[in-house]
Amino acid sequence: MGTWENNKKEKKNAFFQTAYRLFTEKGFAKTTISDIVTAAGLAKGTFYLYFKDKYELRDKLIAYKAAQLLSEAYNTLDTKKDFLPDTLMIQIADHIIGKFEEDHSLLEFIAKNLSWGIFKTAFQEKLPDETRRFYDFYLEILERNTVTCPEPELMLFTIIELVGSTCYSCILYQEPVSM
């Protein structure tokens, strides 16, 4: 990857990190594009090279955070192990629960904002390499175990969505029980 590509990636990551911090601290509605570019130390024009508005930034950030969860889950797996699809899903869900317990802001952000449309769009665009490795491994496990799944990314979305919605009150409020 060349210097220009690295610079572009760094700026996009700066927007993601800054927006995530501001959205989780101030809330999406109270965060302006000016807030984001000022805190990121970048120009407003640069923002519009990457996103058409803060809604697109939020949507891409949600997809990025969800993909990051899956990538991190993949990194914890023993990929040499012969997984069954249900065992793989349980390990992924367990990892996501752990991440949500560690980072309540992430849980709130994902639970409030994740939608099938956003998630599916992320899989239709070019996935980051680490997410692509996970997704390819996931598809390999399904194929190896002759699991037919017309929309395999829907199963991943469902896991994140179910874990987030099921664990939301348990993690944040310890109700009806603690995790």
C-alpha atoms as a PDB file:
ATOM      1  CA  MET A   1       0.000   0.000   0.000  1.00  0.00           C
ATOM      2  CA  GLY A   2       1.444   3.366  -1.053  1.00  0.00           C
ATOM      3  CA  THR A   3       1.794   6.553   0.953  1.00  0.00           C
ATOM      4  CA  TRP A   4      -1.339   8.064  -0.600  1.00  0.00           C
ATOM      5  CA  GLU A   5      -3.379   4.950   0.244  1.00  0.00           C
ATOM      6  CA  ASN A   6      -2.039   4.927   3.825  1.00  0.00           C
ATOM      7  CA  ASN A   7      -2.806   8.628   4.238  1.00  0.00           C
ATOM      8  CA  LYS A   8      -6.344   8.101   2.950  1.00  0.00           C
ATOM      9  CA  LYS A   9      -6.883   5.169   5.317  1.00  0.00           C
ATOM     10  CA  GLU A  10      -5.505   7.157   8.280  1.00  0.00           C
ATOM     11  CA  LYS A  11      -7.892  10.050   7.592  1.00  0.00           C
ATOM     12  CA  LYS A  12     -10.886   7.745   7.301  1.00  0.00           C
ATOM     13  CA  ASN A  13      -9.880   6.017  10.550  1.00  0.00           C
ATOM     14  CA  ALA A  14      -9.508   9.426  12.219  1.00  0.00           C
ATOM     15  CA  PHE A  15     -13.062  10.274  11.167  1.00  0.00           C
ATOM     16  CA  PHE A  16     -14.318   6.905  12.437  1.00  0.00           C
ATOM     17  CA  GLN A  17     -12.547   7.135  15.803  1.00  0.00           C
ATOM     18  CA  THR A  18     -13.540  10.753  16.366  1.00  0.00           C
ATOM     19  CA  ALA A  19     -17.148  10.263  15.285  1.00  0.00           C
ATOM     20  CA  TYR A  20     -17.490   7.145  17.439  1.00  0.00           C
ATOM     21  CA  ARG A  21     -16.189   9.006  20.479  1.00  0.00           C
ATOM     22  CA  LEU A  22     -18.452  12.000  19.862  1.00  0.00           C
ATOM     23  CA  PHE A  23     -21.542   9.941  18.990  1.00  0.00           C
ATOM     24  CA  THR A  24     -21.152   7.887  22.170  1.00  0.00           C
ATOM     25  CA  GLU A  25     -20.345  10.898  24.378  1.00  0.00           C
ATOM     26  CA  LYS A  26     -22.691  13.590  23.017  1.00  0.00           C
ATOM     27  CA  GLY A  27     -25.151  11.523  21.041  1.00  0.00           C
ATOM     28  CA  PHE A  28     -25.644  11.392  17.304  1.00  0.00           C
ATOM     29  CA  ALA A  29     -28.202  14.220  17.132  1.00  0.00           C
ATOM     30  CA  LYS A  30     -26.012  16.637  19.112  1.00  0.00           C
ATOM     31  CA  THR A  31     -22.839  15.911  17.128  1.00  0.00           C
ATOM     32  CA  THR A  32     -22.222  18.091  14.091  1.00  0.00           C
ATOM     33  CA  ILE A  33     -19.906  17.589  11.158  1.00  0.00           C
ATOM     34  CA  SER A  34     -17.982  20.636  12.407  1.00  0.00           C
ATOM     35  CA  ASP A  35     -17.515  18.911  15.780  1.00  0.00           C
ATOM     36  CA  ILE A  36     -16.138  15.825  14.039  1.00  0.00           C
ATOM     37  CA  VAL A  37     -13.706  17.580  11.704  1.00  0.00           C
ATOM     38  CA  THR A  38     -12.459  19.911  14.432  1.00  0.00           C
ATOM     39  CA  ALA A  39     -11.842  17.065  16.879  1.00  0.00           C
ATOM     40  CA  ALA A  40     -10.221  14.959  14.131  1.00  0.00           C
ATOM     41  CA  GLY A  41      -7.987  17.868  13.117  1.00  0.00           C
ATOM     42  CA  LEU A  42      -9.072  17.605   9.497  1.00  0.00           C
ATOM     43  CA  ALA A  43     -10.722  19.987   7.055  1.00  0.00           C
ATOM     44  CA  LYS A  44     -14.454  19.999   6.420  1.00  0.00           C
ATOM     45  CA  GLY A  45     -13.792  19.503   2.703  1.00  0.00           C
ATOM     46  CA  THR A  46     -11.859  16.345   3.522  1.00  0.00           C
ATOM     47  CA  PHE A  47     -14.920  15.006   5.322  1.00  0.00           C
ATOM     48  CA  TYR A  48     -16.955  15.317   2.120  1.00  0.00           C
ATOM     49  CA  LEU A  49     -14.345  13.354   0.176  1.00  0.00           C
ATOM     50  CA  TYR A  50     -15.261  10.348   2.337  1.00  0.00           C
ATOM     51  CA  PHE A  51     -18.913  10.869   3.302  1.00  0.00           C
ATOM     52  CA  LYS A  52     -21.867  12.773   1.860  1.00  0.00           C
ATOM     53  CA  ASP A  53     -23.220  13.599   5.352  1.00  0.00           C
ATOM     54  CA  LYS A  54     -23.058  12.502   8.976  1.00  0.00           C
ATOM     55  CA  TYR A  55     -25.755   9.864   8.358  1.00  0.00           C
ATOM     56  CA  GLU A  56     -23.534   8.111   5.850  1.00  0.00           C
ATOM     57  CA  LEU A  57     -20.617   8.378   8.289  1.00  0.00           C
ATOM     58  CA  ARG A  58     -22.775   6.834  11.035  1.00  0.00           C
ATOM     59  CA  ASP A  59     -23.895   3.994   8.751  1.00  0.00           C
ATOM     60  CA  LYS A  60     -20.350   3.225   7.618  1.00  0.00           C
ATOM     61  CA  LEU A  61     -19.132   3.449  11.212  1.00  0.00           C
ATOM     62  CA  ILE A  62     -21.769   0.964  12.365  1.00  0.00           C
ATOM     63  CA  ALA A  63     -20.755  -1.447   9.607  1.00  0.00           C
ATOM     64  CA  TYR A  64     -17.086  -0.892  10.492  1.00  0.00           C
ATOM     65  CA  LYS A  65     -17.684  -1.607  14.196  1.00  0.00           C
ATOM     66  CA  ALA A  66     -19.730  -4.733  13.421  1.00  0.00           C
ATOM     67  CA  ALA A  67     -17.040  -5.977  11.030  1.00  0.00           C
ATOM     68  CA  GLN A  68     -14.424  -5.219  13.677  1.00  0.00           C
ATOM     69  CA  LEU A  69     -16.326  -7.389  16.189  1.00  0.00           C
ATOM     70  CA  LEU A  70     -16.312 -10.299  13.732  1.00  0.00           C
ATOM     71  CA  SER A  71     -12.637  -9.812  12.884  1.00  0.00           C
ATOM     72  CA  GLU A  72     -11.684  -9.789  16.550  1.00  0.00           C
ATOM     73  CA  ALA A  73     -13.774 -12.925  17.113  1.00  0.00           C
ATOM     74  CA  TYR A  74     -11.927 -14.608  14.245  1.00  0.00           C
ATOM     75  CA  ASN A  75      -8.568 -13.706  15.788  1.00  0.00           C
ATOM     76  CA  THR A  76      -9.530 -15.577  18.970  1.00  0.00           C
ATOM     77  CA  LEU A  77     -10.417 -18.797  17.103  1.00  0.00           C
ATOM     78  CA  ASP A  78      -8.177 -21.786  16.598  1.00  0.00           C
ATOM     79  CA  THR A  79      -8.713 -21.899  12.838  1.00  0.00           C
ATOM     80  CA  LYS A  80      -6.988 -25.271  12.573  1.00  0.00           C
ATOM     81  CA  LYS A  81      -9.777 -26.796  14.649  1.00  0.00           C
ATOM     82  CA  ASP A  82     -12.541 -28.623  12.774  1.00  0.00           C
ATOM     83  CA  PHE A  83     -15.531 -26.449  13.695  1.00  0.00           C
ATOM     84  CA  LEU A  84     -19.161 -27.322  13.356  1.00  0.00           C
ATOM     85  CA  PRO A  85     -21.235 -24.292  12.316  1.00  0.00           C
ATOM     86  CA  ASP A  86     -23.153 -24.157  15.615  1.00  0.00           C
ATOM     87  CA  THR A  87     -19.930 -24.323  17.643  1.00  0.00           C
ATOM     88  CA  LEU A  88     -18.479 -21.496  15.561  1.00  0.00           C
ATOM     89  CA  MET A  89     -21.608 -19.378  16.093  1.00  0.00           C
ATOM     90  CA  ILE A  90     -21.476 -19.975  19.858  1.00  0.00           C
ATOM     91  CA  GLN A  91     -17.830 -18.914  20.003  1.00  0.00           C
ATOM     92  CA  ILE A  92     -18.562 -15.796  17.960  1.00  0.00           C
ATOM     93  CA  ALA A  93     -21.549 -14.934  20.177  1.00  0.00           C
ATOM     94  CA  ASP A  94     -19.447 -15.514  23.298  1.00  0.00           C
ATOM     95  CA  HIS A  95     -16.765 -13.170  21.982  1.00  0.00           C
ATOM     96  CA  ILE A  96     -19.323 -10.472  21.144  1.00  0.00           C
ATOM     97  CA  ILE A  97     -20.883 -10.738  24.618  1.00  0.00           C
ATOM     98  CA  GLY A  98     -17.429 -10.300  26.137  1.00  0.00           C
ATOM     99  CA  LYS A  99     -16.748  -7.219  24.025  1.00  0.00           C
ATOM    100  CA  PHE A 100     -20.126  -5.721  24.942  1.00  0.00           C
ATOM    101  CA  GLU A 101     -19.425  -6.361  28.639  1.00  0.00           C
ATOM    102  CA  GLU A 102     -16.038  -4.609  28.291  1.00  0.00           C
ATOM    103  CA  ASP A 103     -17.331  -1.673  26.282  1.00  0.00           C
ATOM    104  CA  HIS A 104     -20.858  -0.542  27.137  1.00  0.00           C
ATOM    105  CA  SER A 105     -20.623   2.327  24.639  1.00  0.00           C
ATOM    106  CA  LEU A 106     -20.094  -0.187  21.849  1.00  0.00           C
ATOM    107  CA  LEU A 107     -23.128  -2.167  22.992  1.00  0.00           C
ATOM    108  CA  GLU A 108     -25.300   0.944  23.051  1.00  0.00           C
ATOM    109  CA  PHE A 109     -24.003   2.147  19.686  1.00  0.00           C
ATOM    110  CA  ILE A 110     -24.513  -1.206  17.937  1.00  0.00           C
ATOM    111  CA  ALA A 111     -27.838  -2.002  19.619  1.00  0.00           C
ATOM    112  CA  LYS A 112     -29.325   1.393  18.762  1.00  0.00           C
ATOM    113  CA  ASN A 113     -28.049   1.692  15.214  1.00  0.00           C
ATOM    114  CA  LEU A 114     -27.372  -1.653  13.535  1.00  0.00           C
ATOM    115  CA  SER A 115     -29.759  -2.512  10.729  1.00  0.00           C
ATOM    116  CA  TRP A 116     -29.842  -5.227   8.115  1.00  0.00           C
ATOM    117  CA  GLY A 117     -29.476  -2.657   5.316  1.00  0.00           C
ATOM    118  CA  ILE A 118     -26.315  -1.185   6.807  1.00  0.00           C
ATOM    119  CA  PHE A 119     -24.828  -4.602   7.519  1.00  0.00           C
ATOM    120  CA  LYS A 120     -25.641  -6.007   4.066  1.00  0.00           C
ATOM    121  CA  THR A 121     -24.204  -2.933   2.356  1.00  0.00           C
ATOM    122  CA  ALA A 122     -20.948  -3.478   4.245  1.00  0.00           C
ATOM    123  CA  PHE A 123     -20.682  -6.982   2.802  1.00  0.00           C
ATOM    124  CA  GLN A 124     -21.438  -5.737  -0.706  1.00  0.00           C
ATOM    125  CA  GLU A 125     -18.582  -3.242  -0.526  1.00  0.00           C
ATOM    126  CA  LYS A 126     -14.927  -4.212  -0.278  1.00  0.00           C
ATOM    127  CA  LEU A 127     -14.392  -5.737   3.156  1.00  0.00           C
ATOM    128  CA  PRO A 128     -11.228  -4.957   5.113  1.00  0.00           C
ATOM    129  CA  ASP A 129      -8.700  -7.805   4.835  1.00  0.00           C
ATOM    130  CA  GLU A 130      -9.156  -8.973   8.428  1.00  0.00           C
ATOM    131  CA  THR A 131     -12.933  -9.138   8.018  1.00  0.00           C
ATOM    132  CA  ARG A 132     -12.546 -10.882   4.656  1.00  0.00           C
ATOM    133  CA  ARG A 133     -10.383 -13.580   6.309  1.00  0.00           C
ATOM    134  CA  PHE A 134     -13.085 -14.187   8.899  1.00  0.00           C
ATOM    135  CA  TYR A 135     -15.869 -14.240   6.314  1.00  0.00           C
ATOM    136  CA  ASP A 136     -13.980 -16.670   4.071  1.00  0.00           C
ATOM    137  CA  PHE A 137     -13.349 -18.942   7.075  1.00  0.00           C
ATOM    138  CA  TYR A 138     -17.028 -18.758   8.015  1.00  0.00           C
ATOM    139  CA  LEU A 139     -18.088 -19.679   4.456  1.00  0.00           C
ATOM    140  CA  GLU A 140     -15.581 -22.543   4.446  1.00  0.00           C
ATOM    141  CA  ILE A 141     -17.068 -23.953   7.679  1.00  0.00           C
ATOM    142  CA  LEU A 142     -20.576 -23.782   6.219  1.00  0.00           C
ATOM    143  CA  GLU A 143     -19.461 -25.461   3.000  1.00  0.00           C
ATOM    144  CA  ARG A 144     -17.395 -28.126   4.766  1.00  0.00           C
ATOM    145  CA  ASN A 145     -20.443 -29.054   6.832  1.00  0.00           C
ATOM    146  CA  THR A 146     -22.799 -28.877   3.830  1.00  0.00           C
ATOM    147  CA  VAL A 147     -24.851 -26.073   5.323  1.00  0.00           C
ATOM    148  CA  THR A 148     -26.846 -24.307   2.636  1.00  0.00           C
ATOM    149  CA  CYS A 149     -27.337 -20.668   3.475  1.00  0.00           C
ATOM    150  CA  PRO A 150     -28.565 -18.399   0.671  1.00  0.00           C
ATOM    151  CA  GLU A 151     -27.580 -15.256   2.624  1.00  0.00           C
ATOM    152  CA  PRO A 152     -24.720 -16.197   4.966  1.00  0.00           C
ATOM    153  CA  GLU A 153     -24.172 -12.614   6.053  1.00  0.00           C
ATOM    154  CA  LEU A 154     -27.768 -12.596   7.352  1.00  0.00           C
ATOM    155  CA  MET A 155     -26.782 -15.249   9.899  1.00  0.00           C
ATOM    156  CA  LEU A 156     -23.885 -13.072  11.092  1.00  0.00           C
ATOM    157  CA  PHE A 157     -26.127 -10.018  11.327  1.00  0.00           C
ATOM    158  CA  THR A 158     -28.657 -12.044  13.307  1.00  0.00           C
ATOM    159  CA  ILE A 159     -25.998 -13.172  15.782  1.00  0.00           C
ATOM    160  CA  ILE A 160     -24.819  -9.613  16.436  1.00  0.00           C
ATOM    161  CA  GLU A 161     -28.384  -8.315  16.617  1.00  0.00           C
ATOM    162  CA  LEU A 162     -29.597 -11.119  18.907  1.00  0.00           C
ATOM    163  CA  VAL A 163     -26.612 -10.876  21.216  1.00  0.00           C
ATOM    164  CA  GLY A 164     -26.918  -7.087  21.395  1.00  0.00           C
ATOM    165  CA  SER A 165     -30.651  -6.994  22.015  1.00  0.00           C
ATOM    166  CA  THR A 166     -30.733  -9.991  24.354  1.00  0.00           C
ATOM    167  CA  CYS A 167     -27.803  -8.850  26.464  1.00  0.00           C
ATOM    168  CA  TYR A 168     -28.553  -5.115  26.452  1.00  0.00           C
ATOM    169  CA  SER A 169     -30.420  -4.891  29.768  1.00  0.00           C
ATOM    170  CA  CYS A 170     -28.410  -7.676  31.376  1.00  0.00           C
ATOM    171  CA  ILE A 171     -25.116  -5.939  30.676  1.00  0.00           C
ATOM    172  CA  LEU A 172     -26.115  -2.305  31.153  1.00  0.00           C
ATOM    173  CA  TYR A 173     -28.637  -2.600  33.985  1.00  0.00           C
ATOM    174  CA  GLN A 174     -28.031  -6.085  35.420  1.00  0.00           C
ATOM    175  CA  GLU A 175     -31.739  -6.794  34.724  1.00  0.00           C
ATOM    176  CA  PRO A 176     -33.525  -9.161  34.710  1.00  0.00           C
ATOM    177  CA  VAL A 177     -30.227 -10.865  35.646  1.00  0.00           C
ATOM    178  CA  SER A 178     -26.563 -10.030  35.316  1.00  0.00           C
ATOM    179  CA  MET A 179     -24.486 -11.718  32.653  1.00  0.00           C
END
